[in-house]
C-alpha atoms as a PDB file:
ATOM      1  CA  MET A   1    -139.092 -44.138 -26.333  1.00  0.00           C
ATOM      2  CA  LEU A   2    -138.899 -46.892 -23.714  1.00  0.00           C
ATOM      3  CA  ASP A   3    -136.204 -48.710 -25.673  1.00  0.00           C
ATOM      4  CA  GLN A   4    -134.046 -45.605 -25.158  1.00  0.00           C
ATOM      5  CA  ILE A   5    -134.346 -45.603 -21.366  1.00  0.00           C
ATOM      6  CA  HIS A   6    -134.976 -49.187 -20.239  1.00  0.00           C
ATOM      7  CA  LEU A   7    -131.368 -49.784 -19.144  1.00  0.00           C
ATOM      8  CA  LEU A   8    -131.307 -46.523 -17.216  1.00  0.00           C
ATOM      9  CA  ALA A   9    -134.573 -47.463 -15.513  1.00  0.00           C
ATOM     10  CA  ALA A  10    -133.204 -50.899 -14.576  1.00  0.00           C
ATOM     11  CA  VAL A  11    -130.044 -49.417 -13.053  1.00  0.00           C
ATOM     12  CA  THR A  12    -132.185 -46.874 -11.187  1.00  0.00           C
ATOM     13  CA  VAL A  13    -134.302 -49.650  -9.664  1.00  0.00           C
ATOM     14  CA  LEU A  14    -131.155 -51.564  -8.671  1.00  0.00           C
ATOM     15  CA  GLY A  15    -129.824 -48.400  -7.050  1.00  0.00           C
ATOM     16  CA  VAL A  16    -133.034 -47.911  -5.081  1.00  0.00           C
ATOM     17  CA  LEU A  17    -132.891 -51.533  -3.931  1.00  0.00           C
ATOM     18  CA  GLU A  18    -129.283 -51.052  -2.867  1.00  0.00           C
ATOM     19  CA  GLN A  19    -130.255 -47.970  -0.863  1.00  0.00           C
ATOM     20  CA  ALA A  20    -133.048 -49.975   0.789  1.00  0.00           C
ATOM     21  CA  TYR A  21    -130.525 -52.684   1.693  1.00  0.00           C
ATOM     22  CA  PHE A  22    -128.269 -50.065   3.305  1.00  0.00           C
ATOM     23  CA  PHE A  23    -131.236 -48.658   5.266  1.00  0.00           C
ATOM     24  CA  LEU A  24    -132.098 -52.147   6.489  1.00  0.00           C
ATOM     25  CA  GLN A  25    -128.533 -52.671   7.644  1.00  0.00           C
ATOM     26  CA  VAL A  26    -128.825 -49.587   9.855  1.00  0.00           C
ATOM     27  CA  ILE A  27    -132.111 -50.881  11.286  1.00  0.00           C
ATOM     28  CA  TYR A  28    -130.507 -54.253  12.065  1.00  0.00           C
ATOM     29  CA  ALA A  29    -127.491 -52.520  13.627  1.00  0.00           C
ATOM     30  CA  ARG A  30    -129.792 -50.371  15.782  1.00  0.00           C
ATOM     31  CA  ARG A  31    -131.493 -53.508  17.063  1.00  0.00           C
ATOM     32  CA  MET A  32    -128.225 -55.362  17.606  1.00  0.00           C
ATOM     33  CA  PHE A  33    -126.636 -52.511  19.580  1.00  0.00           C
ATOM     34  CA  GLY A  34    -129.846 -51.266  21.248  1.00  0.00           C
ATOM     35  CA  ILE A  35    -129.731 -47.775  19.732  1.00  0.00           C
ATOM     36  CA  SER A  36    -133.141 -46.166  19.321  1.00  0.00           C
ATOM     37  CA  PRO A  37    -133.790 -43.371  16.820  1.00  0.00           C
ATOM     38  CA  PRO A  38    -132.996 -40.507  16.725  1.00  0.00           C
ATOM     39  CA  ASN A  39    -129.717 -41.405  18.452  1.00  0.00           C
ATOM     40  CA  THR A  40    -126.783 -41.826  16.109  1.00  0.00           C
ATOM     41  CA  SER A  41    -124.045 -42.478  18.621  1.00  0.00           C
ATOM     42  CA  GLY A  42    -122.986 -45.851  19.898  1.00  0.00           C
ATOM     43  CA  PRO A  43    -120.189 -48.340  19.492  1.00  0.00           C
ATOM     44  CA  PRO A  44    -117.772 -47.880  16.553  1.00  0.00           C
ATOM     45  CA  GLU A  45    -119.378 -50.809  14.724  1.00  0.00           C
ATOM     46  CA  PHE A  46    -122.737 -49.028  14.685  1.00  0.00           C
ATOM     47  CA  LYS A  47    -121.221 -45.657  13.776  1.00  0.00           C
ATOM     48  CA  ARG A  48    -119.453 -47.134  10.751  1.00  0.00           C
ATOM     49  CA  ILE A  49    -122.641 -48.770   9.443  1.00  0.00           C
ATOM     50  CA  PHE A  50    -124.639 -45.606  10.046  1.00  0.00           C
ATOM     51  CA  ARG A  51    -122.034 -43.355   8.363  1.00  0.00           C
ATOM     52  CA  ALA A  52    -121.688 -45.707   5.388  1.00  0.00           C
ATOM     53  CA  GLN A  53    -125.440 -45.579   4.815  1.00  0.00           C
ATOM     54  CA  VAL A  54    -125.604 -41.806   5.192  1.00  0.00           C
ATOM     55  CA  ASN A  55    -122.654 -41.274   2.857  1.00  0.00           C
ATOM     56  CA  CYS A  56    -124.219 -43.511   0.206  1.00  0.00           C
ATOM     57  CA  SER A  57    -127.540 -41.682   0.534  1.00  0.00           C
ATOM     58  CA  GLU A  58    -125.862 -38.290   0.147  1.00  0.00           C
ATOM     59  CA  TYR A  59    -124.299 -39.256  -3.190  1.00  0.00           C
ATOM     60  CA  PHE A  60    -127.333 -41.103  -4.584  1.00  0.00           C
ATOM     61  CA  PRO A  61    -129.135 -38.042  -6.064  1.00  0.00           C
ATOM     62  CA  ILE A  62    -125.908 -36.936  -7.758  1.00  0.00           C
ATOM     63  CA  PHE A  63    -125.469 -40.420  -9.184  1.00  0.00           C
ATOM     64  CA  LEU A  64    -129.050 -40.559 -10.491  1.00  0.00           C
ATOM     65  CA  ALA A  65    -128.847 -37.156 -12.177  1.00  0.00           C
ATOM     66  CA  LEU A  66    -125.561 -38.044 -13.886  1.00  0.00           C
ATOM     67  CA  LEU A  67    -126.761 -41.514 -14.877  1.00  0.00           C
ATOM     68  CA  TRP A  68    -129.822 -40.146 -16.650  1.00  0.00           C
ATOM     69  CA  GLN A  69    -128.033 -37.209 -18.260  1.00  0.00           C
ATOM     70  CA  ALA A  70    -125.272 -39.460 -19.589  1.00  0.00           C
ATOM     71  CA  GLY A  71    -127.828 -41.979 -20.806  1.00  0.00           C
ATOM     72  CA  LEU A  72    -130.121 -39.501 -22.511  1.00  0.00           C
ATOM     73  CA  PHE A  73    -127.515 -37.204 -24.052  1.00  0.00           C
ATOM     74  CA  PHE A  74    -124.595 -39.564 -24.722  1.00  0.00           C
ATOM     75  CA  HIS A  75    -125.258 -43.316 -24.730  1.00  0.00           C
ATOM     76  CA  GLN A  76    -127.678 -45.390 -22.683  1.00  0.00           C
ATOM     77  CA  GLY A  77    -125.547 -48.549 -22.683  1.00  0.00           C
ATOM     78  CA  LEU A  78    -122.375 -46.814 -21.540  1.00  0.00           C
ATOM     79  CA  ALA A  79    -124.248 -44.900 -18.838  1.00  0.00           C
ATOM     80  CA  ALA A  80    -125.918 -48.090 -17.585  1.00  0.00           C
ATOM     81  CA  ALA A  81    -122.577 -49.939 -17.505  1.00  0.00           C
ATOM     82  CA  LEU A  82    -120.999 -47.078 -15.567  1.00  0.00           C
ATOM     83  CA  GLY A  83    -124.037 -47.065 -13.279  1.00  0.00           C
ATOM     84  CA  LEU A  84    -123.580 -50.751 -12.508  1.00  0.00           C
ATOM     85  CA  LEU A  85    -119.899 -50.144 -11.772  1.00  0.00           C
ATOM     86  CA  TYR A  86    -120.848 -47.304  -9.442  1.00  0.00           C
ATOM     87  CA  LEU A  87    -123.419 -49.408  -7.586  1.00  0.00           C
ATOM     88  CA  TYR A  88    -120.922 -52.242  -7.180  1.00  0.00           C
ATOM     89  CA  ALA A  89    -118.298 -49.808  -5.879  1.00  0.00           C
ATOM     90  CA  ARG A  90    -120.798 -48.374  -3.402  1.00  0.00           C
ATOM     91  CA  TYR A  91    -121.666 -51.854  -2.187  1.00  0.00           C
ATOM     92  CA  CYS A  92    -117.935 -52.562  -1.690  1.00  0.00           C
ATOM     93  CA  TYR A  93    -117.643 -49.207   0.087  1.00  0.00           C
ATOM     94  CA  PHE A  94    -120.492 -50.041   2.436  1.00  0.00           C
ATOM     95  CA  MET A  95    -119.170 -53.507   3.245  1.00  0.00           C
ATOM     96  CA  GLY A  96    -115.623 -52.197   3.658  1.00  0.00           C
ATOM     97  CA  TYR A  97    -116.663 -49.342   5.924  1.00  0.00           C
ATOM     98  CA  ARG A  98    -118.758 -51.755   7.949  1.00  0.00           C
ATOM     99  CA  ALA A  99    -115.650 -53.864   8.605  1.00  0.00           C
ATOM    100  CA  SER A 100    -113.135 -51.052   9.156  1.00  0.00           C
ATOM    101  CA  SER A 101    -112.931 -47.366   8.344  1.00  0.00           C
ATOM    102  CA  SER A 102    -109.714 -47.905   6.370  1.00  0.00           C
ATOM    103  CA  GLU A 103    -111.360 -50.489   4.074  1.00  0.00           C
ATOM    104  CA  ARG A 104    -113.689 -47.858   2.658  1.00  0.00           C
ATOM    105  CA  LEU A 105    -110.959 -45.913   0.886  1.00  0.00           C
ATOM    106  CA  ALA A 106    -110.316 -47.915  -2.311  1.00  0.00           C
ATOM    107  CA  PRO A 107    -114.052 -48.302  -3.118  1.00  0.00           C
ATOM    108  CA  ILE A 108    -114.776 -44.621  -2.431  1.00  0.00           C
ATOM    109  CA  TYR A 109    -111.961 -43.550  -4.761  1.00  0.00           C
ATOM    110  CA  PHE A 110    -113.221 -45.933  -7.442  1.00  0.00           C
ATOM    111  CA  SER A 111    -116.851 -44.807  -7.147  1.00  0.00           C
ATOM    112  CA  THR A 112    -115.753 -41.165  -7.242  1.00  0.00           C
ATOM    113  CA  GLY A 113    -113.814 -41.893 -10.418  1.00  0.00           C
ATOM    114  CA  VAL A 114    -116.908 -43.429 -11.984  1.00  0.00           C
ATOM    115  CA  LEU A 115    -118.915 -40.331 -11.035  1.00  0.00           C
ATOM    116  CA  TRP A 116    -116.313 -38.111 -12.724  1.00  0.00           C
ATOM    117  CA  ILE A 117    -116.535 -40.220 -15.869  1.00  0.00           C
ATOM    118  CA  LEU A 118    -120.323 -39.802 -15.774  1.00  0.00           C
ATOM    119  CA  VAL A 119    -119.812 -36.033 -15.400  1.00  0.00           C
ATOM    120  CA  ALA A 120    -117.540 -35.982 -18.453  1.00  0.00           C
ATOM    121  CA  VAL A 121    -119.841 -38.154 -20.557  1.00  0.00           C
ATOM    122  CA  SER A 122    -122.852 -36.042 -19.556  1.00  0.00           C
ATOM    123  CA  ALA A 123    -121.062 -32.804 -20.373  1.00  0.00           C
ATOM    124  CA  LEU A 124    -119.911 -34.110 -23.751  1.00  0.00           C
ATOM    125  CA  GLY A 125    -123.401 -35.297 -24.604  1.00  0.00           C
ATOM    126  CA  ILE A 126    -125.020 -32.028 -23.595  1.00  0.00           C
ATOM    127  CA  LEU A 127    -122.341 -30.018 -25.440  1.00  0.00           C
ATOM    128  CA  HIS A 128    -122.914 -32.078 -28.574  1.00  0.00           C
ATOM    129  CA  PHE A 129    -126.663 -31.520 -28.283  1.00  0.00           C
ATOM    130  CA  PHE A 130    -126.292 -27.733 -27.905  1.00  0.00           C
ATOM    131  CA  LEU A 131    -123.813 -27.460 -30.758  1.00  0.00           C
ATOM    132  CA  SER A 132    -125.893 -29.561 -33.135  1.00  0.00           C
ATOM    133  CA  HIS A 133    -129.289 -28.160 -32.112  1.00  0.00           C
ATOM    134  CA  TYR A 134    -128.496 -24.457 -31.738  1.00  0.00           C
ATOM    135  CA  VAL A 135    -125.372 -23.931 -33.848  1.00  0.00           C
ATOM    136  CA  GLY A 136    -125.928 -26.589 -36.487  1.00  0.00           C
ATOM    137  CA  LEU A 137    -122.483 -28.087 -35.869  1.00  0.00           C
ATOM    138  CA  ASN A 138    -122.381 -31.878 -35.711  1.00  0.00           C
ATOM    139  CA  ILE A 139    -119.087 -32.841 -34.091  1.00  0.00           C
ATOM    140  CA  LEU A 140    -119.492 -36.457 -35.126  1.00  0.00           C
ATOM    141  CA  GLN A 141    -119.412 -35.482 -38.811  1.00  0.00           C
ATOM    142  CA  LEU A 142    -116.088 -33.707 -38.274  1.00  0.00           C
ATOM    143  CA  LEU A 143    -114.403 -36.904 -37.074  1.00  0.00           C
ATOM    144  CA  PRO A 144    -112.565 -38.890 -39.777  1.00  0.00           C
ATOM    145  CA  ALA A 145    -114.432 -42.000 -40.858  1.00  0.00           C
END
């Protein structure tokens, strides 16, 4: 069983570490700009770091659900590779947003594209499971060899 999920678990841990890094960046920015919680307003530099972290946190549960569904129902290796791409894109997003709000755009479009691929792969895997398990139709056998 573990050999079927070890890559997904590794990408999950990397994602959690990335989220922790983003949280730490907000803490450092709060100290640098003298902004105590719960305040979220301050200079534009702080606002960009804070928003980048919040945006990444909002998408993280969606990413995790899709990563695991794609890995369990379609292919662990492909899901893990897409997960690494997503995490890299989110890192680029965070660093770009930190520098300038316009530098966040290319990485956010790329990471969104990766999420859509994970949606498609998950849906295909789940569809294949339902068809083979409940209908007895194995789509893979219908494909020419």
